[in-house]
Amino acid sequence: MIKKGLAVSLLLFLFFRCTQESKTLPILGKRDVIYKNGLPDTIYATIPSFTFFNQDSVVVNNETYKNKLWLAEFFFTSCPTICPILNHQLLRLNNDLPKEVRSKIQFLSFTIDPKHDNPSQLRKYKRQHHLPSKNWDFLTGNENETHRLGIDNFLTFAGKDSLSAGGYAHSGSFTLVDVKGRVRGVYQITNFDLSVNEQEYKRMVNEIKILYNENLESNTN
């Protein structure tokens, strides 16, 4: 009976392990269906080409972060409410992820207030908050294009709002993008009372690991 019980437990363990390992994330955003030789083929939306300055006044674009998973946020340095919470959670995430996963992920913080947040201001902000430099860039560029990029492509709201603290409104969320530039997850980390949504945070950590494993599998096939 003991051996039978161990065998059943082992089978259940292997089943759940395989189920977990084979799990893939959905691809979010717009999609089109085209037909090749009479068969349907789905074309998924990807993040369009962009060009920004980073905190070191270096011009960066999509190719700068090629073959990396991206976790993006839209923020501004003078934000008095959710931005400090978001960046604290990114710092926490950077510490929580395994070393091998951390080496594959790039944090991208797009400022929605580029008139104030020039590269020197972003560099100052990064230094003051002791944020890691190796895998975290702060980006500034055209304001309208940045807002449009957030809403249309990263699936998170970012825009001017005279009624909001600091004059801008944006979602307290992160967007996960795969190495092909496709959005694979959006995580609403902050609650309305500015507390951290721990369940959403754990989901984000888990799904980053899933996407990392998916990328490994695709590279070995």
C-alpha atoms as a PDB file:
ATOM      1  CA  MET A   1       0.000   0.000   0.000  1.00  0.00           C
ATOM      2  CA  ILE A   2       2.869   2.364   0.802  1.00  0.00           C
ATOM      3  CA  LYS A   3       4.563   1.698  -2.528  1.00  0.00           C
ATOM      4  CA  LYS A   4       1.260   2.144  -4.360  1.00  0.00           C
ATOM      5  CA  GLY A   5       0.675   5.419  -2.556  1.00  0.00           C
ATOM      6  CA  LEU A   6       4.146   6.626  -3.472  1.00  0.00           C
ATOM      7  CA  ALA A   7       3.567   5.674  -7.087  1.00  0.00           C
ATOM      8  CA  VAL A   8       0.277   7.591  -7.187  1.00  0.00           C
ATOM      9  CA  SER A   9       1.922  10.608  -5.571  1.00  0.00           C
ATOM     10  CA  LEU A  10       4.760  10.477  -8.084  1.00  0.00           C
ATOM     11  CA  LEU A  11       2.325  10.303 -11.012  1.00  0.00           C
ATOM     12  CA  LEU A  12       0.353  13.249  -9.654  1.00  0.00           C
ATOM     13  CA  PHE A  13       3.566  15.214  -9.144  1.00  0.00           C
ATOM     14  CA  LEU A  14       4.712  14.541 -12.707  1.00  0.00           C
ATOM     15  CA  PHE A  15       1.255  15.403 -14.074  1.00  0.00           C
ATOM     16  CA  PHE A  16       1.087  18.752 -12.346  1.00  0.00           C
ATOM     17  CA  ARG A  17       4.716  19.489 -13.180  1.00  0.00           C
ATOM     18  CA  CYS A  18       4.162  18.793 -16.864  1.00  0.00           C
ATOM     19  CA  THR A  19       0.956  20.812 -16.825  1.00  0.00           C
ATOM     20  CA  GLN A  20       2.755  23.738 -15.244  1.00  0.00           C
ATOM     21  CA  GLU A  21       5.754  23.495 -17.566  1.00  0.00           C
ATOM     22  CA  SER A  22       3.571  23.339 -20.684  1.00  0.00           C
ATOM     23  CA  LYS A  23       1.526  26.380 -19.667  1.00  0.00           C
ATOM     24  CA  THR A  24       1.846  29.334 -22.024  1.00  0.00           C
ATOM     25  CA  LEU A  25       0.655  32.896 -21.700  1.00  0.00           C
ATOM     26  CA  PRO A  26      -1.935  34.469 -24.001  1.00  0.00           C
ATOM     27  CA  ILE A  27      -0.921  37.008 -26.629  1.00  0.00           C
ATOM     28  CA  LEU A  28      -2.779  40.251 -25.957  1.00  0.00           C
ATOM     29  CA  GLY A  29      -3.775  43.133 -28.210  1.00  0.00           C
ATOM     30  CA  LYS A  30      -5.025  43.398 -31.767  1.00  0.00           C
ATOM     31  CA  ARG A  31      -4.719  40.533 -34.206  1.00  0.00           C
ATOM     32  CA  ASP A  32      -5.477  39.791 -37.837  1.00  0.00           C
ATOM     33  CA  VAL A  33      -6.176  36.532 -39.626  1.00  0.00           C
ATOM     34  CA  ILE A  34      -4.710  35.942 -43.076  1.00  0.00           C
ATOM     35  CA  TYR A  35      -4.988  32.870 -45.235  1.00  0.00           C
ATOM     36  CA  LYS A  36      -2.052  30.981 -46.682  1.00  0.00           C
ATOM     37  CA  ASN A  37      -2.876  28.155 -49.079  1.00  0.00           C
ATOM     38  CA  GLY A  38      -6.439  28.259 -47.795  1.00  0.00           C
ATOM     39  CA  LEU A  39      -5.379  27.875 -44.144  1.00  0.00           C
ATOM     40  CA  PRO A  40      -5.880  30.601 -41.511  1.00  0.00           C
ATOM     41  CA  ASP A  41      -2.822  32.189 -39.916  1.00  0.00           C
ATOM     42  CA  THR A  42      -3.038  34.658 -37.027  1.00  0.00           C
ATOM     43  CA  ILE A  43      -0.864  37.771 -37.129  1.00  0.00           C
ATOM     44  CA  TYR A  44      -0.419  39.323 -33.679  1.00  0.00           C
ATOM     45  CA  ALA A  45       0.276  42.977 -32.950  1.00  0.00           C
ATOM     46  CA  THR A  46       3.798  43.858 -31.863  1.00  0.00           C
ATOM     47  CA  ILE A  47       5.325  46.934 -30.241  1.00  0.00           C
ATOM     48  CA  PRO A  48       6.121  49.346 -33.133  1.00  0.00           C
ATOM     49  CA  SER A  49       9.536  50.855 -33.700  1.00  0.00           C
ATOM     50  CA  PHE A  50      10.384  53.578 -31.204  1.00  0.00           C
ATOM     51  CA  THR A  51      13.295  55.898 -30.476  1.00  0.00           C
ATOM     52  CA  PHE A  52      13.994  57.536 -27.105  1.00  0.00           C
ATOM     53  CA  PHE A  53      16.840  58.957 -25.045  1.00  0.00           C
ATOM     54  CA  ASN A  54      17.747  57.019 -21.917  1.00  0.00           C
ATOM     55  CA  GLN A  55      18.953  58.477 -18.629  1.00  0.00           C
ATOM     56  CA  ASP A  56      22.502  58.671 -19.997  1.00  0.00           C
ATOM     57  CA  SER A  57      21.418  60.707 -23.077  1.00  0.00           C
ATOM     58  CA  VAL A  58      22.008  57.661 -25.286  1.00  0.00           C
ATOM     59  CA  VAL A  59      19.586  57.095 -28.166  1.00  0.00           C
ATOM     60  CA  VAL A  60      17.868  53.716 -27.775  1.00  0.00           C
ATOM     61  CA  ASN A  61      15.279  51.815 -29.798  1.00  0.00           C
ATOM     62  CA  ASN A  62      13.706  48.382 -30.067  1.00  0.00           C
ATOM     63  CA  GLU A  63      16.956  46.848 -31.285  1.00  0.00           C
ATOM     64  CA  THR A  64      18.745  48.048 -28.140  1.00  0.00           C
ATOM     65  CA  TYR A  65      16.698  45.538 -26.141  1.00  0.00           C
ATOM     66  CA  LYS A  66      16.629  42.759 -28.727  1.00  0.00           C
ATOM     67  CA  ASN A  67      16.247  39.196 -27.393  1.00  0.00           C
ATOM     68  CA  LYS A  68      15.128  40.489 -23.994  1.00  0.00           C
ATOM     69  CA  LEU A  69      11.819  40.169 -22.179  1.00  0.00           C
ATOM     70  CA  TRP A  70      10.524  43.658 -21.380  1.00  0.00           C
ATOM     71  CA  LEU A  71       8.603  44.798 -18.348  1.00  0.00           C
ATOM     72  CA  ALA A  72       7.409  48.341 -19.005  1.00  0.00           C
ATOM     73  CA  GLU A  73       5.821  51.075 -16.943  1.00  0.00           C
ATOM     74  CA  PHE A  74       4.656  54.620 -17.748  1.00  0.00           C
ATOM     75  CA  PHE A  75       5.463  57.108 -15.006  1.00  0.00           C
ATOM     76  CA  PHE A  76       6.867  60.585 -14.269  1.00  0.00           C
ATOM     77  CA  THR A  77       9.476  61.563 -11.711  1.00  0.00           C
ATOM     78  CA  SER A  78       7.365  64.214  -9.950  1.00  0.00           C
ATOM     79  CA  CYS A  79       4.429  61.818  -9.494  1.00  0.00           C
ATOM     80  CA  PRO A  80       3.411  61.953  -5.810  1.00  0.00           C
ATOM     81  CA  THR A  81       1.149  58.896  -5.725  1.00  0.00           C
ATOM     82  CA  ILE A  82       1.518  55.583  -7.546  1.00  0.00           C
ATOM     83  CA  CYS A  83       4.911  56.021  -9.257  1.00  0.00           C
ATOM     84  CA  PRO A  84       7.015  55.570  -6.106  1.00  0.00           C
ATOM     85  CA  ILE A  85       4.976  52.449  -5.327  1.00  0.00           C
ATOM     86  CA  LEU A  86       5.459  51.062  -8.840  1.00  0.00           C
ATOM     87  CA  ASN A  87       9.207  51.616  -8.799  1.00  0.00           C
ATOM     88  CA  HIS A  88       9.531  50.083  -5.360  1.00  0.00           C
ATOM     89  CA  GLN A  89       7.748  46.979  -6.675  1.00  0.00           C
ATOM     90  CA  LEU A  90      10.086  46.831  -9.678  1.00  0.00           C
ATOM     91  CA  LEU A  91      13.036  46.970  -7.318  1.00  0.00           C
ATOM     92  CA  ARG A  92      11.434  44.252  -5.228  1.00  0.00           C
ATOM     93  CA  LEU A  93      10.819  42.181  -8.358  1.00  0.00           C
ATOM     94  CA  ASN A  94      14.431  42.540  -9.431  1.00  0.00           C
ATOM     95  CA  ASN A  95      15.442  40.990  -6.106  1.00  0.00           C
ATOM     96  CA  ASP A  96      12.773  38.276  -6.186  1.00  0.00           C
ATOM     97  CA  LEU A  97      13.530  36.903  -9.646  1.00  0.00           C
ATOM     98  CA  PRO A  98      16.096  34.100 -10.028  1.00  0.00           C
ATOM     99  CA  LYS A  99      19.447  35.285 -11.351  1.00  0.00           C
ATOM    100  CA  GLU A 100      19.029  33.545 -14.714  1.00  0.00           C
ATOM    101  CA  VAL A 101      15.615  35.153 -15.269  1.00  0.00           C
ATOM    102  CA  ARG A 102      16.840  38.564 -14.116  1.00  0.00           C
ATOM    103  CA  SER A 103      19.611  38.454 -16.725  1.00  0.00           C
ATOM    104  CA  LYS A 104      17.006  38.051 -19.475  1.00  0.00           C
ATOM    105  CA  ILE A 105      14.555  40.789 -18.479  1.00  0.00           C
ATOM    106  CA  GLN A 106      14.765  44.509 -19.228  1.00  0.00           C
ATOM    107  CA  PHE A 107      12.839  47.077 -17.198  1.00  0.00           C
ATOM    108  CA  LEU A 108      11.679  50.083 -19.267  1.00  0.00           C
ATOM    109  CA  SER A 109      10.307  53.185 -17.537  1.00  0.00           C
ATOM    110  CA  PHE A 110       8.778  55.601 -20.059  1.00  0.00           C
ATOM    111  CA  THR A 111       8.227  59.091 -18.698  1.00  0.00           C
ATOM    112  CA  ILE A 112       4.913  60.671 -19.690  1.00  0.00           C
ATOM    113  CA  ASP A 113       6.236  64.130 -18.728  1.00  0.00           C
ATOM    114  CA  PRO A 114       9.291  64.547 -20.987  1.00  0.00           C
ATOM    115  CA  LYS A 115       9.319  68.356 -20.711  1.00  0.00           C
ATOM    116  CA  HIS A 116      10.383  67.976 -17.096  1.00  0.00           C
ATOM    117  CA  ASP A 117      11.957  64.530 -17.232  1.00  0.00           C
ATOM    118  CA  ASN A 118      14.983  65.095 -19.443  1.00  0.00           C
ATOM    119  CA  PRO A 119      17.864  62.574 -19.315  1.00  0.00           C
ATOM    120  CA  SER A 120      19.646  64.379 -16.466  1.00  0.00           C
ATOM    121  CA  GLN A 121      16.466  64.392 -14.389  1.00  0.00           C
ATOM    122  CA  LEU A 122      15.941  60.698 -15.057  1.00  0.00           C
ATOM    123  CA  ARG A 123      19.552  59.954 -14.129  1.00  0.00           C
ATOM    124  CA  LYS A 124      19.150  61.952 -10.918  1.00  0.00           C
ATOM    125  CA  TYR A 125      15.909  60.112 -10.088  1.00  0.00           C
ATOM    126  CA  LYS A 126      17.524  56.752 -10.682  1.00  0.00           C
ATOM    127  CA  ARG A 127      20.517  57.593  -8.523  1.00  0.00           C
ATOM    128  CA  GLN A 128      18.441  59.050  -5.673  1.00  0.00           C
ATOM    129  CA  HIS A 129      16.303  55.902  -5.475  1.00  0.00           C
ATOM    130  CA  HIS A 130      19.294  53.527  -5.733  1.00  0.00           C
ATOM    131  CA  LEU A 131      17.839  51.703  -8.738  1.00  0.00           C
ATOM    132  CA  PRO A 132      19.934  49.103 -10.572  1.00  0.00           C
ATOM    133  CA  SER A 133      21.580  50.272 -13.775  1.00  0.00           C
ATOM    134  CA  LYS A 134      22.274  46.997 -15.535  1.00  0.00           C
ATOM    135  CA  ASN A 135      18.744  46.035 -16.606  1.00  0.00           C
ATOM    136  CA  TRP A 136      16.666  49.174 -16.010  1.00  0.00           C
ATOM    137  CA  ASP A 137      16.436  52.123 -18.410  1.00  0.00           C
ATOM    138  CA  PHE A 138      14.444  55.323 -17.994  1.00  0.00           C
ATOM    139  CA  LEU A 139      13.289  56.736 -21.332  1.00  0.00           C
ATOM    140  CA  THR A 140      12.202  60.181 -22.509  1.00  0.00           C
ATOM    141  CA  GLY A 141      10.918  61.321 -25.895  1.00  0.00           C
ATOM    142  CA  ASN A 142       8.008  62.902 -27.702  1.00  0.00           C
ATOM    143  CA  GLU A 143       5.124  63.300 -25.255  1.00  0.00           C
ATOM    144  CA  ASN A 144       2.220  62.571 -27.621  1.00  0.00           C
ATOM    145  CA  GLU A 145       3.954  59.550 -29.100  1.00  0.00           C
ATOM    146  CA  THR A 146       4.750  58.234 -25.629  1.00  0.00           C
ATOM    147  CA  HIS A 147       1.120  58.526 -24.521  1.00  0.00           C
ATOM    148  CA  ARG A 148      -0.060  56.855 -27.718  1.00  0.00           C
ATOM    149  CA  LEU A 149       2.510  54.072 -27.351  1.00  0.00           C
ATOM    150  CA  GLY A 150       1.262  53.345 -23.834  1.00  0.00           C
ATOM    151  CA  ILE A 151      -2.421  53.266 -24.732  1.00  0.00           C
ATOM    152  CA  ASP A 152      -2.332  51.629 -28.170  1.00  0.00           C
ATOM    153  CA  ASN A 153       0.561  49.218 -27.797  1.00  0.00           C
ATOM    154  CA  PHE A 154       1.524  48.597 -24.173  1.00  0.00           C
ATOM    155  CA  LEU A 155      -2.197  48.490 -23.240  1.00  0.00           C
ATOM    156  CA  THR A 156      -1.866  50.859 -20.289  1.00  0.00           C
ATOM    157  CA  PHE A 157      -3.324  54.346 -19.895  1.00  0.00           C
ATOM    158  CA  ALA A 158      -1.017  57.375 -19.860  1.00  0.00           C
ATOM    159  CA  GLY A 159      -1.995  60.973 -20.515  1.00  0.00           C
ATOM    160  CA  LYS A 160      -2.521  64.514 -19.258  1.00  0.00           C
ATOM    161  CA  ASP A 161      -5.190  65.100 -16.636  1.00  0.00           C
ATOM    162  CA  SER A 162      -5.460  68.461 -14.892  1.00  0.00           C
ATOM    163  CA  LEU A 163      -7.517  66.903 -12.095  1.00  0.00           C
ATOM    164  CA  SER A 164      -4.876  64.303 -11.205  1.00  0.00           C
ATOM    165  CA  ALA A 165      -1.987  64.865  -8.819  1.00  0.00           C
ATOM    166  CA  GLY A 166       0.976  66.127 -10.819  1.00  0.00           C
ATOM    167  CA  GLY A 167      -1.151  66.911 -13.879  1.00  0.00           C
ATOM    168  CA  TYR A 168      -0.958  63.428 -15.405  1.00  0.00           C
ATOM    169  CA  ALA A 169      -2.987  60.246 -15.054  1.00  0.00           C
ATOM    170  CA  HIS A 170      -1.732  56.754 -15.753  1.00  0.00           C
ATOM    171  CA  SER A 171      -2.454  53.176 -14.860  1.00  0.00           C
ATOM    172  CA  GLY A 172      -0.635  51.609 -11.945  1.00  0.00           C
ATOM    173  CA  SER A 173       0.301  48.649 -14.097  1.00  0.00           C
ATOM    174  CA  PHE A 174       3.221  46.870 -15.709  1.00  0.00           C
ATOM    175  CA  THR A 175       3.238  45.379 -19.212  1.00  0.00           C
ATOM    176  CA  LEU A 176       5.146  42.195 -20.048  1.00  0.00           C
ATOM    177  CA  VAL A 177       6.463  41.870 -23.627  1.00  0.00           C
ATOM    178  CA  ASP A 178       8.101  38.808 -25.158  1.00  0.00           C
ATOM    179  CA  VAL A 179      11.226  38.677 -27.345  1.00  0.00           C
ATOM    180  CA  LYS A 180       9.048  39.015 -30.467  1.00  0.00           C
ATOM    181  CA  GLY A 181       7.594  42.291 -29.237  1.00  0.00           C
ATOM    182  CA  ARG A 182       4.168  40.874 -28.346  1.00  0.00           C
ATOM    183  CA  VAL A 183       2.307  41.832 -25.174  1.00  0.00           C
ATOM    184  CA  ARG A 184       1.860  38.760 -22.980  1.00  0.00           C
ATOM    185  CA  GLY A 185       0.593  40.223 -19.695  1.00  0.00           C
ATOM    186  CA  VAL A 186      -0.652  43.404 -18.004  1.00  0.00           C
ATOM    187  CA  TYR A 187      -0.514  43.576 -14.197  1.00  0.00           C
ATOM    188  CA  GLN A 188      -2.458  46.102 -12.119  1.00  0.00           C
ATOM    189  CA  ILE A 189      -0.117  46.203  -9.148  1.00  0.00           C
ATOM    190  CA  THR A 190      -1.650  49.114  -7.226  1.00  0.00           C
ATOM    191  CA  ASN A 191      -5.105  49.184  -5.666  1.00  0.00           C
ATOM    192  CA  PHE A 192      -7.333  52.274  -5.515  1.00  0.00           C
ATOM    193  CA  ASP A 193      -6.180  52.954  -1.951  1.00  0.00           C
ATOM    194  CA  LEU A 194      -2.522  52.857  -3.162  1.00  0.00           C
ATOM    195  CA  SER A 195      -1.834  49.546  -1.440  1.00  0.00           C
ATOM    196  CA  VAL A 196      -0.018  46.801  -3.312  1.00  0.00           C
ATOM    197  CA  ASN A 197      -2.101  44.060  -4.904  1.00  0.00           C
ATOM    198  CA  GLU A 198      -0.056  41.104  -3.662  1.00  0.00           C
ATOM    199  CA  GLN A 199      -2.043  38.558  -5.661  1.00  0.00           C
ATOM    200  CA  GLU A 200      -1.346  40.477  -8.859  1.00  0.00           C
ATOM    201  CA  TYR A 201       2.309  40.831  -7.933  1.00  0.00           C
ATOM    202  CA  LYS A 202       2.638  37.060  -7.446  1.00  0.00           C
ATOM    203  CA  ARG A 203       0.877  36.456 -10.762  1.00  0.00           C
ATOM    204  CA  MET A 204       3.384  38.752 -12.462  1.00  0.00           C
ATOM    205  CA  VAL A 205       6.380  36.952 -10.936  1.00  0.00           C
ATOM    206  CA  ASN A 206       4.987  33.565 -11.946  1.00  0.00           C
ATOM    207  CA  GLU A 207       4.176  34.611 -15.506  1.00  0.00           C
ATOM    208  CA  ILE A 208       7.597  36.167 -16.049  1.00  0.00           C
ATOM    209  CA  LYS A 209       9.087  32.775 -15.159  1.00  0.00           C
ATOM    210  CA  ILE A 210       6.649  31.033 -17.517  1.00  0.00           C
ATOM    211  CA  LEU A 211       7.597  33.377 -20.374  1.00  0.00           C
ATOM    212  CA  TYR A 212      11.284  32.883 -19.617  1.00  0.00           C
ATOM    213  CA  ASN A 213      10.845  29.095 -19.886  1.00  0.00           C
ATOM    214  CA  GLU A 214       8.791  29.493 -23.066  1.00  0.00           C
ATOM    215  CA  ASN A 215      11.621  31.482 -24.610  1.00  0.00           C
ATOM    216  CA  LEU A 216      14.145  28.834 -23.590  1.00  0.00           C
ATOM    217  CA  GLU A 217      12.035  26.109 -25.184  1.00  0.00           C
ATOM    218  CA  SER A 218      11.630  28.040 -28.434  1.00  0.00           C
ATOM    219  CA  ASN A 219      15.411  28.536 -28.662  1.00  0.00           C
ATOM    220  CA  THR A 220      16.079  24.812 -28.270  1.00  0.00           C
ATOM    221  CA  ASN A 221      13.502  23.697 -30.863  1.00  0.00           C
END
